[in-house]
Amino acid sequence: MNITGDVVHFPTASEPDARLMWAAEILSLLAADHRLKIARALQTGSRTLSELSQATGLAFKPLVTSISTLLHERLVAVRRRGDDVVYELGNARIGAVILLADAFVTDHSS
């Protein structure tokens, strides 16, 4: 840290530090119960809002709020399937993160 007058200059993050911070942000976004339920439901493929509501048990308002956050952060993508709007994981690796978390929980609950 370098202080010049009233301005504080912090060192810029190195590329590995920046990637680590982004990974922490992704994990933080998935740590919210509703968002994790949605991501888990999307592991098997694209779903409409109605299908997501059935799969997660979430009411419309918390579902839409959580989907909006996931869309904004590009963890979920939206596209058209015929007349339907469907949601899917924005990156297949998100599904791998969820599987790893499930395995970790399973290993530590035994």
Protein backbone atom coordinates (compact mmCIF):
# COMPACT_ATOMS: atom_id res chain seq x y z
CA MET A 1 0.00 0.00 0.00
CA ASN A 2 1.27 3.45 -0.90
CA ILE A 3 -0.31 6.64 0.48
CA THR A 4 0.02 9.81 -1.59
CA GLY A 5 -1.81 12.81 -0.14
CA ASP A 6 -5.39 11.66 0.40
CA VAL A 7 -5.20 8.84 -2.15
CA VAL A 8 -4.44 5.27 -1.16
CA HIS A 9 -2.87 3.16 -3.91
CA PHE A 10 -3.17 -0.59 -3.49
CA PRO A 11 -1.01 -2.93 -5.53
CA THR A 12 -2.83 -4.47 -8.47
CA ALA A 13 -3.69 -8.13 -8.17
CA SER A 14 -1.53 -10.52 -10.11
CA GLU A 15 -3.31 -12.68 -12.65
CA PRO A 16 -3.42 -15.76 -10.34
CA ASP A 17 -4.79 -13.57 -7.51
CA ALA A 18 -7.46 -12.16 -9.82
CA ARG A 19 -8.49 -15.67 -10.89
CA LEU A 20 -8.64 -16.77 -7.27
CA MET A 21 -10.84 -13.79 -6.42
CA TRP A 22 -13.16 -14.65 -9.35
CA ALA A 23 -13.34 -18.28 -8.18
CA ALA A 24 -14.26 -17.07 -4.68
CA GLU A 25 -17.00 -14.87 -6.17
CA ILE A 26 -18.44 -17.80 -8.15
CA LEU A 27 -18.46 -20.01 -5.06
CA SER A 28 -20.06 -17.21 -3.08
CA LEU A 29 -22.82 -16.85 -5.68
CA LEU A 30 -23.49 -20.59 -5.56
CA ALA A 31 -23.45 -20.63 -1.76
CA ALA A 32 -26.93 -19.09 -1.66
CA ASP A 33 -29.48 -21.87 -1.22
CA HIS A 34 -31.89 -20.79 -3.99
CA ARG A 35 -29.13 -20.23 -6.55
CA LEU A 36 -27.54 -23.58 -5.74
CA LYS A 37 -30.89 -25.33 -6.16
CA ILE A 38 -31.30 -23.71 -9.59
CA ALA A 39 -27.79 -24.60 -10.73
CA ARG A 40 -28.24 -28.17 -9.52
CA ALA A 41 -31.54 -28.44 -11.45
CA LEU A 42 -29.84 -27.15 -14.61
CA GLN A 43 -27.11 -29.80 -14.45
CA THR A 44 -29.35 -32.17 -16.39
CA GLY A 45 -30.16 -29.67 -19.13
CA SER A 46 -32.24 -26.67 -20.11
CA ARG A 47 -35.45 -25.87 -18.26
CA THR A 48 -38.25 -23.34 -18.41
CA LEU A 49 -39.19 -21.26 -15.36
CA SER A 50 -42.10 -23.61 -14.72
CA GLU A 51 -39.82 -26.66 -14.89
CA LEU A 52 -37.30 -24.96 -12.60
CA SER A 53 -40.02 -24.12 -10.11
CA GLN A 54 -41.13 -27.76 -10.04
CA ALA A 55 -37.55 -29.08 -9.80
CA THR A 56 -36.46 -26.70 -7.03
CA GLY A 57 -39.70 -26.15 -5.13
CA LEU A 58 -39.14 -22.39 -5.38
CA ALA A 59 -42.01 -19.96 -5.77
CA PHE A 60 -41.95 -17.61 -8.76
CA LYS A 61 -40.56 -14.48 -7.05
CA PRO A 62 -37.48 -16.05 -5.37
CA LEU A 63 -36.89 -18.12 -8.51
CA VAL A 64 -36.88 -15.08 -10.80
CA THR A 65 -34.76 -13.05 -8.37
CA SER A 66 -32.16 -15.82 -8.17
CA ILE A 67 -32.21 -16.46 -11.93
CA SER A 68 -31.63 -12.73 -12.52
CA THR A 69 -28.53 -12.80 -10.33
CA LEU A 70 -27.20 -15.92 -12.05
CA LEU A 71 -27.88 -14.41 -15.49
CA HIS A 72 -26.18 -11.15 -14.55
CA GLU A 73 -23.07 -13.06 -13.44
CA ARG A 74 -23.23 -15.30 -16.54
CA LEU A 75 -23.48 -18.49 -14.50
CA VAL A 76 -26.78 -19.16 -16.27
CA ALA A 77 -27.67 -18.46 -19.90
CA VAL A 78 -31.07 -18.00 -21.50
CA ARG A 79 -32.21 -19.04 -24.97
CA ARG A 80 -35.35 -19.88 -26.92
CA ARG A 81 -36.53 -23.43 -27.47
CA GLY A 82 -39.42 -23.11 -29.88
CA ASP A 83 -41.95 -20.88 -28.13
CA ASP A 84 -40.35 -21.41 -24.72
CA VAL A 85 -37.64 -19.43 -22.97
CA VAL A 86 -35.24 -21.87 -21.33
CA TYR A 87 -32.38 -21.48 -18.91
CA GLU A 88 -29.18 -23.50 -18.86
CA LEU A 89 -25.84 -23.41 -17.12
CA GLY A 90 -23.64 -20.70 -18.57
CA ASN A 91 -20.65 -23.02 -18.37
CA ALA A 92 -20.56 -26.82 -18.01
CA ARG A 93 -17.85 -26.46 -15.37
CA ILE A 94 -20.44 -25.01 -13.01
CA GLY A 95 -22.04 -28.46 -13.00
CA ALA A 96 -18.65 -29.99 -12.18
CA VAL A 97 -18.28 -27.61 -9.22
CA ILE A 98 -21.66 -28.73 -7.89
CA LEU A 99 -20.76 -32.41 -8.31
CA LEU A 100 -17.48 -31.82 -6.49
CA ALA A 101 -19.30 -30.05 -3.64
CA ASP A 102 -21.78 -32.93 -3.40
CA ALA A 103 -18.92 -35.44 -3.28
CA PHE A 104 -17.15 -33.40 -0.61
CA VAL A 105 -20.29 -33.28 1.55
CA THR A 106 -20.86 -37.00 1.07
CA ASP A 107 -17.24 -37.80 2.04
CA HIS A 108 -17.44 -35.68 5.18
CA SER A 109 -20.84 -36.87 6.34
CA SER A 110 -19.74 -40.51 6.56
